[in-house]
Each structure stands twice: as C-alpha cells, then as structure tokens.
Amino acid sequence: PQPEEWAVLAVDAQEVKHDSPLRQYRYLIELRRSLRLGSGDLEWLEVHPDILAVRNGVLVAAVNTGPVSREIPVAGSVVHSSGSRRTSTAQLLAARDGHLVLEPNRCVWILTEHGFGS
C-alpha cells in the first residue's frame, strides 16, 4: 500500500486540478505536437551566460540557470512559464513588447513570429 499522503499524486486526483503536474505535462506534450517541435532546425541563442535559450520554428524556450533575474530580448506570446500557476499579466505584456524578465530557476516558452531579439 502507498502512504496516504500520496493520494494527491493519483491520476484521478491530478486530472481535476488545473495546475497539476499531470495536466501540465499533457498540455506541453500537446503543445509540442501542435507546434511540431522536435522537427526542423534547433538554433541555440546567445543571451547571457546564465540563460539557456533555443529556438525551434516559431517557439523560443529559455531557462534562467543563474541566481538573479535576467531580461531576454524576445517578443511574442508566453505559452508556458514554470514556477507559477498562471503567467502574470505583466509577464505577458513584457513578452509582447520584447522585454521579458526571467526569474532565477524559471523556464518560459514564447511563441513568436519575429524571431529572437526583434
């Protein structure tokens, strides 16, 4: 038998929670499939030594591996952001304007048609 506190990790419990890991994984898998990520070219983007950023088609994915927040020069629509239940309005507007600040230990997926630094 599993410990009682693991009940929240069961599939039936996670299917009803909007922000559960199961729902997030399913969303990201579907997004990956719909954007055809994994096919086409992958381009590594230079931002800052603390930022790991790649572009695959119209999607830019960036991870801040450093200890402080960093701005990334990409304009578009945030389609996923780690570490929070919802992407804030400020983050959405900043991404649209090309001035997204990425907090430490966070990842963001940005859908863009204009490319990086535009």
N, C-alpha and C. Protein backbone atom coordinates (compact mmCIF):
# COMPACT_ATOMS: atom_id res chain seq x y z
N PRO A 1 0.83 -1.21 0.00
CA PRO A 1 0.00 0.00 0.00
C PRO A 1 0.87 1.26 0.00
N GLN A 2 0.36 2.29 -0.65
CA GLN A 2 1.06 3.57 -0.72
C GLN A 2 0.71 4.41 0.50
N PRO A 3 1.63 5.28 0.91
CA PRO A 3 1.32 6.19 2.02
C PRO A 3 0.10 7.05 1.68
N GLU A 4 -0.67 7.38 2.68
CA GLU A 4 -1.90 8.16 2.50
C GLU A 4 -1.66 9.52 1.83
N GLU A 5 -0.53 10.15 2.17
CA GLU A 5 -0.26 11.48 1.61
C GLU A 5 0.04 11.44 0.10
N TRP A 6 0.23 10.27 -0.47
CA TRP A 6 0.47 10.15 -1.90
C TRP A 6 -0.83 10.17 -2.70
N ALA A 7 -1.95 10.18 -2.04
CA ALA A 7 -3.25 10.16 -2.73
C ALA A 7 -3.40 11.33 -3.70
N VAL A 8 -2.81 12.47 -3.36
CA VAL A 8 -2.91 13.65 -4.23
C VAL A 8 -2.14 13.46 -5.54
N LEU A 9 -1.28 12.45 -5.59
CA LEU A 9 -0.49 12.19 -6.79
C LEU A 9 -1.17 11.20 -7.74
N ALA A 10 -2.29 10.65 -7.33
CA ALA A 10 -3.01 9.69 -8.17
C ALA A 10 -3.57 10.40 -9.41
N VAL A 11 -3.66 9.66 -10.50
CA VAL A 11 -4.15 10.23 -11.76
C VAL A 11 -5.52 10.87 -11.59
N ASP A 12 -6.44 10.19 -10.93
CA ASP A 12 -7.80 10.75 -10.79
C ASP A 12 -7.79 12.05 -10.00
N ALA A 13 -6.88 12.18 -9.04
CA ALA A 13 -6.79 13.42 -8.26
C ALA A 13 -6.16 14.54 -9.10
N GLN A 14 -5.17 14.20 -9.92
CA GLN A 14 -4.49 15.21 -10.72
C GLN A 14 -5.29 15.65 -11.94
N GLU A 15 -6.15 14.79 -12.44
CA GLU A 15 -6.95 15.15 -13.62
C GLU A 15 -7.90 16.30 -13.35
N VAL A 16 -8.33 16.48 -12.12
CA VAL A 16 -9.29 17.54 -11.80
C VAL A 16 -8.62 18.85 -11.38
N LYS A 17 -7.30 18.83 -11.16
CA LYS A 17 -6.59 20.04 -10.76
C LYS A 17 -5.95 20.69 -11.98
N HIS A 18 -6.32 21.93 -12.24
CA HIS A 18 -5.82 22.66 -13.41
C HIS A 18 -4.29 22.76 -13.43
N ASP A 19 -3.67 22.95 -12.26
CA ASP A 19 -2.23 23.17 -12.21
C ASP A 19 -1.44 21.93 -11.79
N SER A 20 -2.02 20.76 -11.92
CA SER A 20 -1.32 19.53 -11.51
C SER A 20 -0.20 19.21 -12.49
N PRO A 21 0.84 18.51 -12.03
CA PRO A 21 1.91 18.09 -12.93
C PRO A 21 1.39 17.27 -14.12
N LEU A 22 0.43 16.41 -13.89
CA LEU A 22 -0.12 15.60 -14.97
C LEU A 22 -0.74 16.48 -16.06
N ARG A 23 -1.55 17.45 -15.66
CA ARG A 23 -2.19 18.35 -16.64
C ARG A 23 -1.14 19.19 -17.37
N GLN A 24 -0.11 19.64 -16.63
CA GLN A 24 0.94 20.43 -17.28
C GLN A 24 1.69 19.60 -18.31
N TYR A 25 2.04 18.37 -17.97
CA TYR A 25 2.73 17.50 -18.92
C TYR A 25 1.87 17.25 -20.14
N ARG A 26 0.61 16.97 -19.94
CA ARG A 26 -0.29 16.73 -21.08
C ARG A 26 -0.39 17.96 -21.98
N TYR A 27 -0.49 19.13 -21.36
CA TYR A 27 -0.55 20.37 -22.12
C TYR A 27 0.72 20.57 -22.94
N LEU A 28 1.88 20.37 -22.31
CA LEU A 28 3.14 20.58 -23.00
C LEU A 28 3.37 19.56 -24.11
N ILE A 29 2.95 18.33 -23.89
CA ILE A 29 3.07 17.31 -24.94
C ILE A 29 2.20 17.69 -26.13
N GLU A 30 0.98 18.14 -25.87
CA GLU A 30 0.10 18.56 -26.97
C GLU A 30 0.65 19.80 -27.68
N LEU A 31 1.17 20.75 -26.91
CA LEU A 31 1.77 21.95 -27.50
C LEU A 31 2.97 21.57 -28.37
N ARG A 32 3.80 20.69 -27.87
CA ARG A 32 4.96 20.21 -28.63
C ARG A 32 4.51 19.58 -29.94
N ARG A 33 3.48 18.78 -29.87
CA ARG A 33 2.95 18.11 -31.06
C ARG A 33 2.35 19.14 -32.04
N SER A 34 1.55 20.06 -31.54
CA SER A 34 0.87 21.01 -32.43
C SER A 34 1.84 21.98 -33.09
N LEU A 35 2.94 22.32 -32.41
CA LEU A 35 3.94 23.23 -32.98
C LEU A 35 5.02 22.48 -33.76
N ARG A 36 4.89 21.17 -33.80
CA ARG A 36 5.85 20.31 -34.49
C ARG A 36 7.27 20.51 -33.97
N LEU A 37 7.38 20.70 -32.65
CA LEU A 37 8.70 20.82 -32.05
C LEU A 37 9.38 19.46 -32.13
N GLY A 38 10.66 19.48 -32.27
CA GLY A 38 11.39 18.22 -32.44
C GLY A 38 11.65 17.93 -33.90
N SER A 39 10.98 18.66 -34.79
CA SER A 39 11.27 18.54 -36.22
C SER A 39 11.81 19.90 -36.67
N GLY A 40 12.49 19.92 -37.76
CA GLY A 40 13.06 21.18 -38.21
C GLY A 40 14.37 21.47 -37.52
N ASP A 41 14.79 22.70 -37.60
CA ASP A 41 16.09 23.09 -37.06
C ASP A 41 15.97 23.61 -35.64
N LEU A 42 16.99 23.32 -34.85
CA LEU A 42 17.11 23.85 -33.49
C LEU A 42 18.26 24.84 -33.51
N GLU A 43 18.00 26.04 -33.04
CA GLU A 43 19.03 27.08 -33.03
C GLU A 43 19.30 27.53 -31.60
N TRP A 44 20.57 27.45 -31.20
CA TRP A 44 20.96 27.94 -29.87
C TRP A 44 21.08 29.45 -29.95
N LEU A 45 20.54 30.15 -28.97
CA LEU A 45 20.52 31.61 -28.96
C LEU A 45 21.43 32.13 -27.85
N GLU A 46 22.20 33.15 -28.17
CA GLU A 46 23.08 33.76 -27.18
C GLU A 46 22.38 34.93 -26.52
N VAL A 47 22.23 34.85 -25.21
CA VAL A 47 21.56 35.90 -24.45
C VAL A 47 22.50 36.41 -23.37
N HIS A 48 22.81 35.52 -22.45
CA HIS A 48 23.64 35.79 -21.28
C HIS A 48 24.16 34.43 -20.82
N PRO A 49 25.33 34.38 -20.19
CA PRO A 49 25.83 33.08 -19.73
C PRO A 49 24.87 32.32 -18.81
N ASP A 50 24.01 33.03 -18.09
CA ASP A 50 23.05 32.36 -17.20
C ASP A 50 21.80 31.85 -17.92
N ILE A 51 21.58 32.29 -19.15
CA ILE A 51 20.36 31.94 -19.88
C ILE A 51 20.67 30.89 -20.95
N LEU A 52 19.94 29.80 -20.87
CA LEU A 52 19.99 28.77 -21.91
C LEU A 52 18.74 28.97 -22.76
N ALA A 53 18.94 29.31 -24.04
CA ALA A 53 17.80 29.62 -24.91
C ALA A 53 17.96 28.94 -26.26
N VAL A 54 16.85 28.40 -26.75
CA VAL A 54 16.83 27.75 -28.06
C VAL A 54 15.59 28.18 -28.82
N ARG A 55 15.71 28.12 -30.15
CA ARG A 55 14.54 28.37 -30.99
C ARG A 55 14.33 27.12 -31.84
N ASN A 56 13.08 26.69 -31.91
CA ASN A 56 12.68 25.60 -32.80
C ASN A 56 11.44 26.10 -33.53
N GLY A 57 11.60 26.44 -34.78
CA GLY A 57 10.48 27.01 -35.52
C GLY A 57 10.07 28.35 -34.95
N VAL A 58 8.81 28.48 -34.55
CA VAL A 58 8.30 29.75 -34.04
C VAL A 58 8.33 29.82 -32.52
N LEU A 59 8.94 28.84 -31.86
CA LEU A 59 8.96 28.83 -30.41
C LEU A 59 10.37 29.07 -29.88
N VAL A 60 10.47 29.97 -28.91
CA VAL A 60 11.72 30.19 -28.18
C VAL A 60 11.50 29.67 -26.77
N ALA A 61 12.41 28.81 -26.32
CA ALA A 61 12.38 28.31 -24.95
C ALA A 61 13.63 28.84 -24.25
N ALA A 62 13.45 29.40 -23.06
CA ALA A 62 14.57 29.97 -22.33
C ALA A 62 14.49 29.55 -20.86
N VAL A 63 15.66 29.25 -20.29
CA VAL A 63 15.78 28.86 -18.89
C VAL A 63 16.82 29.75 -18.25
N ASN A 64 16.49 30.34 -17.10
CA ASN A 64 17.44 31.13 -16.35
C ASN A 64 18.09 30.22 -15.32
N THR A 65 19.36 29.89 -15.54
CA THR A 65 20.08 29.00 -14.63
C THR A 65 20.86 29.77 -13.57
N GLY A 66 20.80 31.08 -13.62
CA GLY A 66 21.57 31.91 -12.71
C GLY A 66 20.83 32.29 -11.44
N PRO A 67 21.52 33.04 -10.56
CA PRO A 67 20.94 33.41 -9.26
C PRO A 67 20.11 34.69 -9.27
N VAL A 68 20.12 35.44 -10.39
CA VAL A 68 19.36 36.70 -10.45
C VAL A 68 18.49 36.73 -11.70
N SER A 69 17.48 37.58 -11.68
CA SER A 69 16.60 37.73 -12.84
C SER A 69 17.37 38.32 -14.01
N ARG A 70 16.98 37.92 -15.22
CA ARG A 70 17.63 38.42 -16.44
C ARG A 70 16.57 38.75 -17.48
N GLU A 71 16.82 39.80 -18.24
CA GLU A 71 15.91 40.16 -19.33
C GLU A 71 16.31 39.37 -20.58
N ILE A 72 15.29 38.87 -21.28
CA ILE A 72 15.56 38.20 -22.55
C ILE A 72 14.85 38.98 -23.66
N PRO A 73 15.59 39.25 -24.75
CA PRO A 73 15.05 40.09 -25.83
C PRO A 73 14.24 39.29 -26.84
N VAL A 74 13.05 38.90 -26.46
CA VAL A 74 12.20 38.16 -27.38
C VAL A 74 10.77 38.65 -27.25
N ALA A 75 10.13 38.87 -28.38
CA ALA A 75 8.75 39.35 -28.37
C ALA A 75 7.83 38.25 -28.86
N GLY A 76 6.72 38.08 -28.17
CA GLY A 76 5.75 37.07 -28.57
C GLY A 76 4.75 36.80 -27.47
N SER A 77 4.14 35.65 -27.54
CA SER A 77 3.12 35.24 -26.57
C SER A 77 3.66 34.13 -25.69
N VAL A 78 3.60 34.33 -24.38
CA VAL A 78 4.03 33.29 -23.44
C VAL A 78 3.00 32.17 -23.47
N VAL A 79 3.45 30.96 -23.82
CA VAL A 79 2.54 29.82 -23.86
C VAL A 79 2.79 28.86 -22.70
N HIS A 80 3.93 29.03 -22.01
CA HIS A 80 4.18 28.24 -20.80
C HIS A 80 5.23 28.96 -19.98
N SER A 81 5.05 28.93 -18.68
CA SER A 81 6.01 29.51 -17.75
C SER A 81 6.09 28.61 -16.53
N SER A 82 7.27 28.20 -16.16
CA SER A 82 7.40 27.33 -14.99
C SER A 82 7.38 28.15 -13.72
N GLY A 83 7.10 27.47 -12.63
CA GLY A 83 7.20 28.09 -11.33
C GLY A 83 6.01 28.89 -10.86
N SER A 84 5.02 29.04 -11.70
CA SER A 84 3.84 29.77 -11.25
C SER A 84 2.61 29.08 -11.81
N ARG A 85 1.51 29.27 -11.14
CA ARG A 85 0.28 28.63 -11.59
C ARG A 85 -0.23 29.26 -12.87
N ARG A 86 -0.06 30.55 -12.98
CA ARG A 86 -0.50 31.26 -14.18
C ARG A 86 0.55 32.29 -14.54
N THR A 87 0.65 32.56 -15.80
CA THR A 87 1.55 33.61 -16.26
C THR A 87 0.91 34.95 -15.92
N SER A 88 1.69 35.83 -15.29
CA SER A 88 1.13 37.11 -14.87
C SER A 88 0.88 38.01 -16.08
N THR A 89 -0.03 38.96 -15.90
CA THR A 89 -0.33 39.93 -16.95
C THR A 89 0.92 40.73 -17.29
N ALA A 90 1.69 41.10 -16.28
CA ALA A 90 2.92 41.86 -16.51
C ALA A 90 3.89 41.06 -17.38
N GLN A 91 4.00 39.76 -17.12
CA GLN A 91 4.89 38.92 -17.91
C GLN A 91 4.40 38.81 -19.35
N LEU A 92 3.10 38.68 -19.51
CA LEU A 92 2.53 38.60 -20.86
C LEU A 92 2.79 39.88 -21.65
N LEU A 93 2.59 41.03 -21.01
CA LEU A 93 2.81 42.31 -21.68
C LEU A 93 4.28 42.53 -21.99
N ALA A 94 5.16 42.17 -21.05
CA ALA A 94 6.59 42.33 -21.27
C ALA A 94 7.06 41.46 -22.43
N ALA A 95 6.55 40.25 -22.52
CA ALA A 95 6.94 39.36 -23.62
C ALA A 95 6.46 39.94 -24.95
N ARG A 96 5.26 40.48 -24.95
CA ARG A 96 4.72 41.06 -26.18
C ARG A 96 5.59 42.22 -26.65
N ASP A 97 6.12 42.99 -25.70
CA ASP A 97 6.93 44.16 -26.03
C ASP A 97 8.41 43.84 -26.19
N GLY A 98 8.81 42.59 -25.95
CA GLY A 98 10.20 42.19 -26.13
C GLY A 98 11.10 42.46 -24.95
N HIS A 99 10.53 42.59 -23.75
CA HIS A 99 11.33 42.89 -22.56
C HIS A 99 10.98 41.95 -21.41
N LEU A 100 10.96 40.67 -21.67
CA LEU A 100 10.59 39.70 -20.65
C LEU A 100 11.72 39.51 -19.65
N VAL A 101 11.42 39.62 -18.37
CA VAL A 101 12.40 39.36 -17.32
C VAL A 101 12.12 37.97 -16.78
N LEU A 102 13.14 37.13 -16.86
CA LEU A 102 13.02 35.74 -16.43
C LEU A 102 13.68 35.57 -15.07
N GLU A 103 12.91 35.12 -14.10
CA GLU A 103 13.40 34.92 -12.74
C GLU A 103 14.37 33.75 -12.69
N PRO A 104 15.20 33.68 -11.64
CA PRO A 104 16.12 32.55 -11.50
C PRO A 104 15.37 31.21 -11.44
N ASN A 105 15.98 30.18 -11.99
CA ASN A 105 15.43 28.82 -11.97
C ASN A 105 14.04 28.73 -12.59
N ARG A 106 13.79 29.53 -13.60
CA ARG A 106 12.50 29.51 -14.29
C ARG A 106 12.71 29.26 -15.77
N CYS A 107 11.67 28.72 -16.38
CA CYS A 107 11.67 28.45 -17.82
C CYS A 107 10.45 29.11 -18.43
N VAL A 108 10.59 29.57 -19.66
CA VAL A 108 9.46 30.16 -20.36
C VAL A 108 9.50 29.70 -21.82
N TRP A 109 8.31 29.43 -22.36
CA TRP A 109 8.15 29.13 -23.78
C TRP A 109 7.41 30.31 -24.39
N ILE A 110 7.97 30.89 -25.44
CA ILE A 110 7.38 32.05 -26.08
C ILE A 110 7.14 31.74 -27.56
N LEU A 111 5.91 31.92 -27.97
CA LEU A 111 5.53 31.73 -29.37
C LEU A 111 5.75 33.06 -30.07
N THR A 112 6.61 33.06 -31.09
CA THR A 112 6.96 34.30 -31.77
C THR A 112 7.07 34.06 -33.26
N GLU A 113 6.72 35.08 -34.02
CA GLU A 113 6.89 35.00 -35.47
C GLU A 113 8.02 35.90 -35.93
N HIS A 114 8.51 36.72 -35.02
CA HIS A 114 9.52 37.71 -35.41
C HIS A 114 10.93 37.28 -35.08
N GLY A 115 11.09 36.15 -34.41
CA GLY A 115 12.43 35.69 -34.08
C GLY A 115 12.97 36.30 -32.81
N PHE A 116 14.20 36.04 -32.56
CA PHE A 116 14.86 36.43 -31.32
C PHE A 116 15.48 37.80 -31.48
N GLY A 117 15.28 38.66 -30.48
CA GLY A 117 15.90 39.97 -30.48
C GLY A 117 15.24 40.98 -31.41
N SER A 118 14.07 40.65 -31.94
CA SER A 118 13.39 41.57 -32.84
C SER A 118 12.38 42.41 -32.10
